[in-house]
Amino acid sequence: MEPRLVTLAVSPEELRLITTLRDMPESPLRDRVHALLAELLEFARNPRCGSFQADGISCADPRADCDQCQVVLAMLDRLEGQLPGKNRPGDQPPG
């Protein structure tokens, strides 16, 4: 896909994410990272799950204690814990 010029205000964190994605060389790994991030961000933006509440409306709150949200949060915790050099809040520094 050909890039197009857009004007958009972004935070420093958003700019870092965009720059990091753009700096990745074209490869199957890059394609997989892009696809995974797109799916993860879509879920995080709209976390409606198939579980219905007592009123029959699907849950739209990612802070809810439902199984689907908890599974995703646990998966993110595991992934974050496996990143090289990543210390999570409350972790003791090595040494």
Protein backbone atom coordinates (compact mmCIF):
# COMPACT_ATOMS: atom_id res chain seq x y z
CA MET A 1 0.00 0.00 0.00
CA GLU A 2 1.33 3.42 -0.94
CA PRO A 3 1.74 5.75 2.06
CA ARG A 4 -0.28 8.95 2.04
CA LEU A 5 0.47 12.21 3.79
CA VAL A 6 -1.86 13.07 6.68
CA THR A 7 -1.74 15.76 9.32
CA LEU A 8 -2.44 14.36 12.74
CA ALA A 9 -1.56 15.47 16.25
CA VAL A 10 -0.01 12.60 18.22
CA SER A 11 1.44 12.25 21.68
CA PRO A 12 5.13 11.42 22.09
CA GLU A 13 4.16 7.81 22.98
CA GLU A 14 2.04 7.48 19.84
CA LEU A 15 4.84 8.93 17.71
CA ARG A 16 7.28 6.41 19.20
CA LEU A 17 4.93 3.54 18.31
CA ILE A 18 4.42 4.79 14.76
CA THR A 19 8.13 5.38 14.25
CA THR A 20 9.01 1.94 15.61
CA LEU A 21 6.51 0.27 13.28
CA ARG A 22 7.79 2.22 10.29
CA ASP A 23 11.43 1.43 11.13
CA MET A 24 10.85 -2.31 10.97
CA PRO A 25 12.22 -3.79 7.75
CA GLU A 26 9.70 -5.45 5.48
CA SER A 27 9.51 -9.10 6.45
CA PRO A 28 7.06 -11.80 7.52
CA LEU A 29 7.83 -10.80 11.14
CA ARG A 30 6.79 -7.21 10.45
CA ASP A 31 3.58 -8.39 8.76
CA ARG A 32 2.77 -10.59 11.74
CA VAL A 33 3.49 -7.79 14.26
CA HIS A 34 1.28 -5.39 12.30
CA ALA A 35 -1.58 -7.90 12.14
CA LEU A 36 -1.31 -8.80 15.83
CA LEU A 37 -1.16 -5.16 16.93
CA ALA A 38 -4.14 -4.29 14.74
CA GLU A 39 -6.21 -7.09 16.31
CA LEU A 40 -5.07 -6.24 19.84
CA LEU A 41 -5.82 -2.54 19.43
CA GLU A 42 -9.23 -3.29 17.91
CA PHE A 43 -10.10 -5.49 20.87
CA ALA A 44 -8.79 -2.92 23.38
CA ARG A 45 -10.77 -0.15 21.68
CA ASN A 46 -13.97 -2.16 21.58
CA PRO A 47 -13.72 -4.99 24.11
CA ARG A 48 -17.26 -6.27 23.71
CA CYS A 49 -17.29 -9.91 24.38
CA GLY A 50 -19.83 -12.60 23.70
CA SER A 51 -20.78 -12.77 27.37
CA PHE A 52 -24.10 -11.16 28.08
CA GLN A 53 -24.94 -9.56 31.37
CA ALA A 54 -28.14 -10.26 33.27
CA ASP A 55 -29.87 -7.47 31.31
CA GLY A 56 -29.01 -9.15 27.99
CA ILE A 57 -26.54 -6.47 26.89
CA SER A 58 -23.01 -7.51 26.01
CA CYS A 59 -20.21 -6.29 28.27
CA ALA A 60 -18.25 -3.27 26.99
CA ASP A 61 -16.09 -2.64 30.05
CA PRO A 62 -12.50 -3.98 29.91
CA ARG A 63 -12.28 -3.62 33.71
CA ALA A 64 -15.08 -6.14 34.14
CA ASP A 65 -14.25 -9.42 35.77
CA CYS A 66 -15.37 -11.58 32.88
CA ASP A 67 -13.38 -14.52 31.59
CA GLN A 68 -12.58 -13.10 28.15
CA CYS A 69 -11.14 -9.81 29.44
CA GLN A 70 -9.21 -11.63 32.16
CA VAL A 71 -7.74 -14.08 29.63
CA VAL A 72 -6.54 -11.21 27.43
CA LEU A 73 -5.10 -9.30 30.40
CA ALA A 74 -3.30 -12.45 31.60
CA MET A 75 -1.92 -12.99 28.08
CA LEU A 76 -0.61 -9.41 28.04
CA ASP A 77 0.98 -9.93 31.47
CA ARG A 78 2.77 -13.06 30.21
CA LEU A 79 3.92 -11.35 27.04
CA GLU A 80 5.14 -8.31 28.93
CA GLY A 81 7.03 -10.53 31.38
CA GLN A 82 8.87 -12.23 28.51
CA LEU A 83 10.16 -9.05 26.89
CA PRO A 84 13.94 -8.75 27.30
CA GLY A 85 14.95 -5.99 29.71
CA LYS A 86 11.35 -5.20 30.68
CA ASN A 87 10.74 -4.47 34.36
CA ARG A 88 7.13 -4.26 35.37
CA PRO A 89 5.96 -1.85 38.06
CA GLY A 90 6.79 -3.34 41.45
CA ASP A 91 9.49 -5.66 40.07
CA GLN A 92 12.81 -5.62 41.87
CA PRO A 93 15.74 -4.47 39.71
CA PRO A 94 18.29 -7.24 39.01
CA GLY A 95 21.34 -7.44 41.24
